[in-house]
């Protein structure tokens, strides 16, 4: 079953810096558990500051005055207010609130109440707790500069404004002003003084505004009067230049045109009538019309008498012709008489025709004269119409200036009268009285608030510390950043400073002194440190079920991460179980294992690789644990350590070790400092990566693994070393709460 698990274990993910995951509720709980000392410290600081503030602050008393902003305009002189303002809206009420809190009102109250002599406002009173604390850290020992009167007044205004609050009461037009001082009588007095100063300021503002308006109106009236007079003169001058005369019935040119047009119509009617009579007379005269026609066409006394005589003669001629015959002398005389009468009628008709012709000519001449006059008047009317456009423009401008002048003159008279009426839009409805009890500091509010604020700051600080953490402290961080499993968290091991053996016997056997960190598993077999290394061995054994894992390299990113100590103790632990174990010091640049285990060794891995000695001749044995150790004796620096450890000789050495030992542990140099481990990675079956808890940056580990793909593929897991046990219990609380009875740190 173990073999199956190992075969199905996925390859580790390629290491890369992953973005920080979002915090959920579980993460927040874990952060609070891990960072509870920070949170507790901030909470206590907040509580102590709040208690200190309450204990050192002087009691304060608050007095209130209420003012009503009257929305009805008080108009005494006229039905129309000189000020064009409308009803007071919410914005206007809020504006009055700001006026009540303004420096102008504060300055007026300070001067009226002589607050420049009050220590509470000029800063000469007892310092506050915060001020006292700040003074302890002040390095300025010089004498304070002498302040001017303006500076003192400015500071007093700022102090006064801080003690005054004004607010609108609900949605009403009532404003409540609160003043907080250390004396109840002073609070009430200053609150009423603010109301008085506000109303006096309002009266003064209205007076000044009205006076400015009156001055402006007076100047404007003078200008409008001059403009109106100039406009009237321009109208009259234009009329004179264009011969425009007004009458009660309108313009004279328009009246003349209408009269001539009427006369022309009448003249044309007379001419037509005369022409008709003339044409009829000429027709009668030229056509020798019958007698009846002449009589019917003309109504003339001469013609009528001649016609009557002619008709009488014609009747007689007819009678006599019938009686006496047409040739009778009397009949002939009658016919001659008729001819004479007829000629008389024709002559009279012609005379009448001449008269009608004369009348026609006279009518025609009058018509032509009227047409000529009308044409001239029409031409004059066209010119006059163009002038009328400009005239109407001038008259409109003149009338506008005149109306403005009259309107501004009326407003000026009203504004002049309004200056003398002391009426404000606000009045006091509830004057301030001395408060019966203090209003601050509120102990039951400040202390809990300070404690809560400290707690919140502690939570923020804890989250900040967690987010700013760039080191490995938990297995989850190892898995997230490197893709590798964390196979153990080793606590820090104190070094008692036990002395090493003074000499090595001729059999090259070594035994470390009791208390050395390199034999911690031997001295404390039931400690947490030893138990974690047992888990590491189990991880190695599980890996051995699926493939051959005999040669295990121990590596780290940086120096001094405790890799060498882990290698020594892990090898000793496995050797104590009865297995044949070889520990090789592969750090040819800094052979720490050799200096601590066999400081007097004369041959080691270098001599074996160079064929100077055999493997069995270079090995030293720990007589207590049975561990074989191949030191690295480096009397001088070796420049080609990477080539040496990756050579065929190294492959042969490890091959020989595989045939003799069940476990071969190789302590390599840090992979970011030296390339030895990378060069020899193909000779190693598996690696155990040691990372110092809380000190090695995540970026360093990720970068190291990214640049060593062969090592990353062969790494069994990561061991977090030198962990702080107390902090570890907060980080991995479930591992310290239940297993404490199974760990015994004292030596067996």
Foldseek 3Di string as FASTA:
>chain_A
DLQVVLVPDDFFDAFDFDDDDDDDPVNLVLLCLLQVVLLVVLLVVLLVVLVQQFVFDFFKAKWKFKKFQFQDDDDDPDPDDLDPDHGQAPVNLVVLQVVLLDLQLLLQLCVVVVCLPPCQQQVPDDDGPVVVVVVVPDPDPDDDDDDDPVVSSVSSSVSQSVQWHWDDDDRHRMIMIMGMDNFLVVRQVSNLSSVVSSLVVQLVVVLVVLVVVLVVLVVVLVVLVVQLVVLVVVLVVLCVVLVWDADPVGTPLVVVLVVLVVVLVVLVVQLVVLVVLLVVLVCCLVVVDDLVVLVVSDDDPLSVVLSVLLVVLVVVLVVCCVVPNCPDPVSVVSVVSNVVSSVVSSVVSVVVSVVSVVSNVVSVVVSVVSVVVSVVSVVSVVVVVVSVVVSVVSVVSSVVSVVVSVVSVVSSVSSVVVSVDSDRSMDTPGRIDRDPDTDDDPSVPSSVVSSVVSSVVSSVVSVVCVVPQQFDADQVVVCVRRSFGAQAEAAAQDAPPADFDPAADPLQAGAGDPRGLLAQCQFFVQARRNVSLVSVVVLQVSSCSNHNAAEEEEAEAAPPLCRNSSQSNSQLSVLQVVFAEEEEALALPDFPVCCRTPVPQDAFDVCQLVVVDPPVVQWYAHPPRRYIYGGRDDPDHDPPSQCSCLDVSVLVNVVVCVVPGRHYYYYYYHVNVDVNCLSNLVSHQAYEYEGEHSPDGSVSVSVSCSVRVSHSSRYSGYYHYNHDPVSSCSNVVVVCPPCVVRRDSGTD
